[in-house]
Amino acid sequence: MRRLSQSLLILGFTAVFVGYLSVWLHGPGVGLTFLGVEMGEWFKFLGLGPRRDLFYLPPILLGLMLSVWTWTWPEKDGFDWHAWTVRALGVLVSLLAFPAIEDISGPVREQYLLRVVLIGLVIVVTLVTGFWRLNGGWRRLPWLLLAGLSLLSALLPTWLYLQMQPYLSDILGVSVNAGLGFWLNILGNALIVVISLYQMLTSEMREDKEIGVAY
């Protein structure tokens, strides 16, 4: 069952990643079709302000989730290159949200500070999960974090998208629909939430059983 859960989590992570590189905004013409990675940049022209950063959350939160996921792996003696490879992959994925150099060095660089800070958080979490081992009841913490991060990754960009979709249809005078990437982000994160909560609950039951046997 553990192997199946791991496979389903990888499927969820992959869906979120592929979804971010797929079409989120699907219009009737090529000029009105945008990938998830383009949404935040495009929406700045609509005067959305700091809220557009919500469209940069999927790769940042996916980077956090990959590092937190390695926290659930059995501890190994010596250097665990499998875990560190996944953590490094998480940092690389989060860099999809990194602003252009001219943006963070320009006169309005404060608009991009939050994204830089969040990517820095991914690096910090990567180091924490690599050097801090969890024991006892704390082993359920990563599963709770995974569920919470995936909920944020699904709900916040979706909430903003659903707010903007009718507005875009009105101002453009054409029907604008959600693309495949939008749905992959929701479904991938939903799968991560389900598996994480299942793992958290089953680990709690296993601990209760072990305590009962000890007594």
C-alpha atoms as a PDB file:
ATOM      1  CA  MET A   1       0.000   0.000   0.000  1.00  0.00           C
ATOM      2  CA  ARG A   2       2.895   2.342   0.689  1.00  0.00           C
ATOM      3  CA  ARG A   3       4.184   1.840  -2.841  1.00  0.00           C
ATOM      4  CA  LEU A   4       0.738   2.603  -4.293  1.00  0.00           C
ATOM      5  CA  SER A   5       0.485   5.773  -2.205  1.00  0.00           C
ATOM      6  CA  GLN A   6       3.918   6.896  -3.353  1.00  0.00           C
ATOM      7  CA  SER A   7       2.950   6.274  -6.979  1.00  0.00           C
ATOM      8  CA  LEU A   8      -0.279   8.253  -6.596  1.00  0.00           C
ATOM      9  CA  LEU A   9       1.602  11.134  -4.986  1.00  0.00           C
ATOM     10  CA  ILE A  10       4.060  11.192  -7.883  1.00  0.00           C
ATOM     11  CA  LEU A  11       1.086  11.219 -10.244  1.00  0.00           C
ATOM     12  CA  GLY A  12      -0.367  14.191  -8.369  1.00  0.00           C
ATOM     13  CA  PHE A  13       2.937  16.085  -8.392  1.00  0.00           C
ATOM     14  CA  THR A  14       3.329  15.409 -12.115  1.00  0.00           C
ATOM     15  CA  ALA A  15      -0.214  16.632 -12.857  1.00  0.00           C
ATOM     16  CA  VAL A  16       0.442  19.919 -11.034  1.00  0.00           C
ATOM     17  CA  PHE A  17       3.737  20.436 -12.864  1.00  0.00           C
ATOM     18  CA  VAL A  18       2.402  19.546 -16.310  1.00  0.00           C
ATOM     19  CA  GLY A  19      -0.714  21.592 -15.601  1.00  0.00           C
ATOM     20  CA  TYR A  20       1.331  24.711 -14.899  1.00  0.00           C
ATOM     21  CA  LEU A  21       3.037  24.349 -18.276  1.00  0.00           C
ATOM     22  CA  SER A  22      -0.287  23.723 -20.031  1.00  0.00           C
ATOM     23  CA  VAL A  23      -3.121  26.013 -21.114  1.00  0.00           C
ATOM     24  CA  TRP A  24      -5.066  27.681 -18.296  1.00  0.00           C
ATOM     25  CA  LEU A  25      -6.829  30.414 -20.228  1.00  0.00           C
ATOM     26  CA  HIS A  26      -8.437  29.124 -23.422  1.00  0.00           C
ATOM     27  CA  GLY A  27      -9.856  31.681 -25.802  1.00  0.00           C
ATOM     28  CA  PRO A  28     -11.057  31.481 -29.406  1.00  0.00           C
ATOM     29  CA  GLY A  29      -7.734  32.683 -30.824  1.00  0.00           C
ATOM     30  CA  VAL A  30      -4.050  31.931 -30.328  1.00  0.00           C
ATOM     31  CA  GLY A  31      -3.499  35.385 -28.824  1.00  0.00           C
ATOM     32  CA  LEU A  32      -6.045  34.606 -26.103  1.00  0.00           C
ATOM     33  CA  THR A  33      -4.562  31.270 -25.043  1.00  0.00           C
ATOM     34  CA  PHE A  34      -2.190  31.385 -22.069  1.00  0.00           C
ATOM     35  CA  LEU A  35      -0.230  28.752 -20.185  1.00  0.00           C
ATOM     36  CA  GLY A  36      -0.252  28.662 -16.402  1.00  0.00           C
ATOM     37  CA  VAL A  37       3.314  29.958 -16.366  1.00  0.00           C
ATOM     38  CA  GLU A  38       2.126  33.003 -18.352  1.00  0.00           C
ATOM     39  CA  MET A  39      -0.961  33.874 -16.321  1.00  0.00           C
ATOM     40  CA  GLY A  40       0.669  36.043 -13.657  1.00  0.00           C
ATOM     41  CA  GLU A  41       2.602  38.058 -16.217  1.00  0.00           C
ATOM     42  CA  TRP A  42      -0.394  38.577 -18.476  1.00  0.00           C
ATOM     43  CA  PHE A  43      -2.762  39.577 -15.680  1.00  0.00           C
ATOM     44  CA  LYS A  44      -0.516  42.451 -14.591  1.00  0.00           C
ATOM     45  CA  PHE A  45      -1.767  44.357 -17.647  1.00  0.00           C
ATOM     46  CA  LEU A  46      -5.274  44.237 -16.179  1.00  0.00           C
ATOM     47  CA  GLY A  47      -4.194  46.125 -13.064  1.00  0.00           C
ATOM     48  CA  LEU A  48      -4.640  43.095 -10.829  1.00  0.00           C
ATOM     49  CA  GLY A  49      -1.843  44.202  -8.499  1.00  0.00           C
ATOM     50  CA  PRO A  50      -0.260  41.853  -5.918  1.00  0.00           C
ATOM     51  CA  ARG A  51      -3.125  39.356  -6.288  1.00  0.00           C
ATOM     52  CA  ARG A  52      -1.615  38.139  -9.539  1.00  0.00           C
ATOM     53  CA  ASP A  53       1.112  36.461  -7.451  1.00  0.00           C
ATOM     54  CA  LEU A  54      -1.468  33.752  -6.723  1.00  0.00           C
ATOM     55  CA  PHE A  55      -0.834  32.462 -10.242  1.00  0.00           C
ATOM     56  CA  TYR A  56       2.812  31.898  -9.298  1.00  0.00           C
ATOM     57  CA  LEU A  57       1.913  29.714  -6.310  1.00  0.00           C
ATOM     58  CA  PRO A  58       1.689  26.279  -8.009  1.00  0.00           C
ATOM     59  CA  PRO A  59       5.446  25.894  -8.760  1.00  0.00           C
ATOM     60  CA  ILE A  60       6.456  27.427  -5.413  1.00  0.00           C
ATOM     61  CA  LEU A  61       4.102  25.225  -3.412  1.00  0.00           C
ATOM     62  CA  LEU A  62       5.051  22.195  -5.531  1.00  0.00           C
ATOM     63  CA  GLY A  63       8.688  22.830  -4.628  1.00  0.00           C
ATOM     64  CA  LEU A  64       7.726  22.933  -0.953  1.00  0.00           C
ATOM     65  CA  MET A  65       5.653  19.769  -1.294  1.00  0.00           C
ATOM     66  CA  LEU A  66       8.494  17.812  -2.890  1.00  0.00           C
ATOM     67  CA  SER A  67      10.823  18.692  -0.018  1.00  0.00           C
ATOM     68  CA  VAL A  68       8.191  17.951   2.635  1.00  0.00           C
ATOM     69  CA  TRP A  69       7.440  14.638   0.924  1.00  0.00           C
ATOM     70  CA  THR A  70      11.049  13.492   1.434  1.00  0.00           C
ATOM     71  CA  TRP A  71      10.481  14.101   5.158  1.00  0.00           C
ATOM     72  CA  THR A  72       8.189  11.066   5.149  1.00  0.00           C
ATOM     73  CA  TRP A  73      10.825   8.735   3.701  1.00  0.00           C
ATOM     74  CA  PRO A  74      12.539   6.184   5.964  1.00  0.00           C
ATOM     75  CA  GLU A  75      15.763   7.547   7.402  1.00  0.00           C
ATOM     76  CA  LYS A  76      18.943   6.124   5.868  1.00  0.00           C
ATOM     77  CA  ASP A  77      22.488   6.011   7.106  1.00  0.00           C
ATOM     78  CA  GLY A  78      24.848   8.260   5.231  1.00  0.00           C
ATOM     79  CA  PHE A  79      24.029  10.527   2.302  1.00  0.00           C
ATOM     80  CA  ASP A  80      20.596   9.853   0.798  1.00  0.00           C
ATOM     81  CA  TRP A  81      21.095  11.047  -2.758  1.00  0.00           C
ATOM     82  CA  HIS A  82      17.564  10.032  -3.795  1.00  0.00           C
ATOM     83  CA  ALA A  83      16.042  12.419  -1.256  1.00  0.00           C
ATOM     84  CA  TRP A  84      18.453  15.234  -2.070  1.00  0.00           C
ATOM     85  CA  THR A  85      17.749  14.835  -5.787  1.00  0.00           C
ATOM     86  CA  VAL A  86      14.026  15.295  -5.141  1.00  0.00           C
ATOM     87  CA  ARG A  87      14.715  18.312  -2.898  1.00  0.00           C
ATOM     88  CA  ALA A  88      16.923  19.884  -5.571  1.00  0.00           C
ATOM     89  CA  LEU A  89      14.179  19.222  -8.112  1.00  0.00           C
ATOM     90  CA  GLY A  90      11.750  21.057  -5.838  1.00  0.00           C
ATOM     91  CA  VAL A  91      14.002  24.120  -5.767  1.00  0.00           C
ATOM     92  CA  LEU A  92      14.354  24.051  -9.561  1.00  0.00           C
ATOM     93  CA  VAL A  93      10.584  23.803 -10.014  1.00  0.00           C
ATOM     94  CA  SER A  94      10.032  26.793  -7.711  1.00  0.00           C
ATOM     95  CA  LEU A  95      12.352  28.858  -9.927  1.00  0.00           C
ATOM     96  CA  LEU A  96       9.616  28.847 -12.585  1.00  0.00           C
ATOM     97  CA  ALA A  97       8.118  31.671 -10.502  1.00  0.00           C
ATOM     98  CA  PHE A  98      11.374  33.649 -10.243  1.00  0.00           C
ATOM     99  CA  PRO A  99      11.032  37.182 -11.666  1.00  0.00           C
ATOM    100  CA  ALA A 100      13.135  38.410 -14.554  1.00  0.00           C
ATOM    101  CA  ILE A 101      16.391  40.107 -13.533  1.00  0.00           C
ATOM    102  CA  GLU A 102      15.268  43.411 -15.064  1.00  0.00           C
ATOM    103  CA  ASP A 103      12.126  43.263 -12.916  1.00  0.00           C
ATOM    104  CA  ILE A 104      13.834  42.696  -9.569  1.00  0.00           C
ATOM    105  CA  SER A 105      16.482  45.307 -10.365  1.00  0.00           C
ATOM    106  CA  GLY A 106      14.023  47.883 -11.727  1.00  0.00           C
ATOM    107  CA  PRO A 107      12.135  50.736 -10.093  1.00  0.00           C
ATOM    108  CA  VAL A 108       9.147  48.566  -9.087  1.00  0.00           C
ATOM    109  CA  ARG A 109      11.120  45.656  -7.664  1.00  0.00           C
ATOM    110  CA  GLU A 110       9.025  45.672  -4.470  1.00  0.00           C
ATOM    111  CA  GLN A 111       6.219  44.088  -6.526  1.00  0.00           C
ATOM    112  CA  TYR A 112       8.395  41.000  -6.997  1.00  0.00           C
ATOM    113  CA  LEU A 113       9.822  40.743  -3.481  1.00  0.00           C
ATOM    114  CA  LEU A 114       7.183  38.306  -2.198  1.00  0.00           C
ATOM    115  CA  ARG A 115       7.967  35.751  -4.895  1.00  0.00           C
ATOM    116  CA  VAL A 116      11.690  35.946  -4.175  1.00  0.00           C
ATOM    117  CA  VAL A 117      11.023  35.473  -0.450  1.00  0.00           C
ATOM    118  CA  LEU A 118       8.783  32.446  -1.098  1.00  0.00           C
ATOM    119  CA  ILE A 119      11.407  30.838  -3.317  1.00  0.00           C
ATOM    120  CA  GLY A 120      13.912  31.474  -0.523  1.00  0.00           C
ATOM    121  CA  LEU A 121      11.486  29.662   1.798  1.00  0.00           C
ATOM    122  CA  VAL A 122      11.622  26.641  -0.501  1.00  0.00           C
ATOM    123  CA  ILE A 123      15.401  26.565  -0.090  1.00  0.00           C
ATOM    124  CA  VAL A 124      15.114  26.859   3.709  1.00  0.00           C
ATOM    125  CA  VAL A 125      12.548  24.037   3.879  1.00  0.00           C
ATOM    126  CA  THR A 126      14.806  21.920   1.663  1.00  0.00           C
ATOM    127  CA  LEU A 127      17.618  22.265   4.178  1.00  0.00           C
ATOM    128  CA  VAL A 128      15.310  21.653   7.156  1.00  0.00           C
ATOM    129  CA  THR A 129      13.901  18.445   5.706  1.00  0.00           C
ATOM    130  CA  GLY A 130      17.398  17.289   4.859  1.00  0.00           C
ATOM    131  CA  PHE A 131      18.946  17.754   8.287  1.00  0.00           C
ATOM    132  CA  TRP A 132      16.079  17.541  10.803  1.00  0.00           C
ATOM    133  CA  ARG A 133      14.675  14.080  11.429  1.00  0.00           C
ATOM    134  CA  LEU A 134      11.183  13.689  12.899  1.00  0.00           C
ATOM    135  CA  ASN A 135      10.314  11.201  15.631  1.00  0.00           C
ATOM    136  CA  GLY A 136       7.158   9.931  17.304  1.00  0.00           C
ATOM    137  CA  GLY A 137       3.959  11.820  16.655  1.00  0.00           C
ATOM    138  CA  TRP A 138       5.867  14.468  14.689  1.00  0.00           C
ATOM    139  CA  ARG A 139       6.027  12.018  11.793  1.00  0.00           C
ATOM    140  CA  ARG A 140       2.444  12.938  10.955  1.00  0.00           C
ATOM    141  CA  LEU A 141       3.425  16.585  10.487  1.00  0.00           C
ATOM    142  CA  PRO A 142       4.716  16.228   6.888  1.00  0.00           C
ATOM    143  CA  TRP A 143       1.446  14.643   5.773  1.00  0.00           C
ATOM    144  CA  LEU A 144      -0.527  17.487   7.336  1.00  0.00           C
ATOM    145  CA  LEU A 145       1.757  20.020   5.661  1.00  0.00           C
ATOM    146  CA  LEU A 146       1.397  18.260   2.307  1.00  0.00           C
ATOM    147  CA  ALA A 147      -2.383  18.377   2.567  1.00  0.00           C
ATOM    148  CA  GLY A 148      -2.367  22.061   3.536  1.00  0.00           C
ATOM    149  CA  LEU A 149       0.085  23.116   0.814  1.00  0.00           C
ATOM    150  CA  SER A 150      -1.809  21.240  -1.892  1.00  0.00           C
ATOM    151  CA  LEU A 151      -5.092  22.803  -0.759  1.00  0.00           C
ATOM    152  CA  LEU A 152      -3.550  26.258  -1.112  1.00  0.00           C
ATOM    153  CA  SER A 153      -2.118  25.341  -4.506  1.00  0.00           C
ATOM    154  CA  ALA A 154      -5.537  24.248  -5.725  1.00  0.00           C
ATOM    155  CA  LEU A 155      -7.830  26.817  -4.124  1.00  0.00           C
ATOM    156  CA  LEU A 156      -6.042  30.167  -4.349  1.00  0.00           C
ATOM    157  CA  PRO A 157      -5.240  30.257  -8.097  1.00  0.00           C
ATOM    158  CA  THR A 158      -8.654  28.735  -8.832  1.00  0.00           C
ATOM    159  CA  TRP A 159     -10.404  31.378  -6.727  1.00  0.00           C
ATOM    160  CA  LEU A 160      -8.646  34.198  -8.572  1.00  0.00           C
ATOM    161  CA  TYR A 161      -9.217  32.603 -11.968  1.00  0.00           C
ATOM    162  CA  LEU A 162     -12.950  32.207 -11.367  1.00  0.00           C
ATOM    163  CA  GLN A 163     -13.123  35.849 -10.305  1.00  0.00           C
ATOM    164  CA  MET A 164     -11.378  37.032 -13.456  1.00  0.00           C
ATOM    165  CA  GLN A 165     -12.988  34.714 -16.016  1.00  0.00           C
ATOM    166  CA  PRO A 166     -16.358  36.532 -16.392  1.00  0.00           C
ATOM    167  CA  TYR A 167     -14.589  39.900 -16.307  1.00  0.00           C
ATOM    168  CA  LEU A 168     -12.292  38.843 -19.155  1.00  0.00           C
ATOM    169  CA  SER A 169     -15.189  37.514 -21.203  1.00  0.00           C
ATOM    170  CA  ASP A 170     -16.962  40.872 -20.819  1.00  0.00           C
ATOM    171  CA  ILE A 171     -14.048  43.140 -21.709  1.00  0.00           C
ATOM    172  CA  LEU A 172     -12.842  40.931 -24.578  1.00  0.00           C
ATOM    173  CA  GLY A 173     -16.324  40.268 -25.912  1.00  0.00           C
ATOM    174  CA  VAL A 174     -15.555  36.570 -26.416  1.00  0.00           C
ATOM    175  CA  SER A 175     -15.993  33.407 -24.384  1.00  0.00           C
ATOM    176  CA  VAL A 176     -12.935  32.578 -22.256  1.00  0.00           C
ATOM    177  CA  ASN A 177     -12.787  29.095 -20.741  1.00  0.00           C
ATOM    178  CA  ALA A 178     -10.567  27.095 -18.414  1.00  0.00           C
ATOM    179  CA  GLY A 179      -7.958  25.028 -20.227  1.00  0.00           C
ATOM    180  CA  LEU A 180      -6.487  21.607 -19.472  1.00  0.00           C
ATOM    181  CA  GLY A 181      -3.776  23.004 -17.193  1.00  0.00           C
ATOM    182  CA  PHE A 182      -6.358  24.621 -14.926  1.00  0.00           C
ATOM    183  CA  TRP A 183      -8.066  21.258 -14.375  1.00  0.00           C
ATOM    184  CA  LEU A 184      -4.813  19.339 -14.010  1.00  0.00           C
ATOM    185  CA  ASN A 185      -3.803  21.695 -11.198  1.00  0.00           C
ATOM    186  CA  ILE A 186      -7.059  21.042  -9.341  1.00  0.00           C
ATOM    187  CA  LEU A 187      -7.083  17.270  -9.892  1.00  0.00           C
ATOM    188  CA  GLY A 188      -3.379  16.821  -9.115  1.00  0.00           C
ATOM    189  CA  ASN A 189      -3.630  18.750  -5.872  1.00  0.00           C
ATOM    190  CA  ALA A 190      -6.864  16.966  -4.910  1.00  0.00           C
ATOM    191  CA  LEU A 191      -5.067  13.631  -5.289  1.00  0.00           C
ATOM    192  CA  ILE A 192      -2.207  14.863  -3.087  1.00  0.00           C
ATOM    193  CA  VAL A 193      -4.679  16.000  -0.400  1.00  0.00           C
ATOM    194  CA  VAL A 194      -6.481  12.636  -0.353  1.00  0.00           C
ATOM    195  CA  ILE A 195      -3.299  10.558  -0.174  1.00  0.00           C
ATOM    196  CA  SER A 196      -1.722  12.831   2.447  1.00  0.00           C
ATOM    197  CA  LEU A 197      -4.755  12.709   4.736  1.00  0.00           C
ATOM    198  CA  TYR A 198      -5.000   8.949   4.287  1.00  0.00           C
ATOM    199  CA  GLN A 199      -1.334   8.508   5.206  1.00  0.00           C
ATOM    200  CA  MET A 200      -1.709  10.788   8.222  1.00  0.00           C
ATOM    201  CA  LEU A 201      -4.732   8.880   9.535  1.00  0.00           C
ATOM    202  CA  THR A 202      -3.238   5.424   8.945  1.00  0.00           C
ATOM    203  CA  SER A 203       0.037   6.406  10.612  1.00  0.00           C
ATOM    204  CA  GLU A 204      -1.942   7.602  13.629  1.00  0.00           C
ATOM    205  CA  MET A 205      -3.802   4.284  13.798  1.00  0.00           C
ATOM    206  CA  ARG A 206      -0.533   2.365  13.559  1.00  0.00           C
ATOM    207  CA  GLU A 207       0.912   4.369  16.445  1.00  0.00           C
ATOM    208  CA  ASP A 208      -2.196   3.740  18.569  1.00  0.00           C
ATOM    209  CA  LYS A 209      -1.928   0.026  17.855  1.00  0.00           C
ATOM    210  CA  GLU A 210       1.749  -0.017  18.805  1.00  0.00           C
ATOM    211  CA  ILE A 211       0.966   1.787  22.073  1.00  0.00           C
ATOM    212  CA  GLY A 212      -1.806  -0.710  22.798  1.00  0.00           C
ATOM    213  CA  VAL A 213       0.527  -3.657  22.199  1.00  0.00           C
ATOM    214  CA  ALA A 214       3.153  -2.072  24.476  1.00  0.00           C
ATOM    215  CA  TYR A 215       0.635  -1.889  27.300  1.00  0.00           C
END
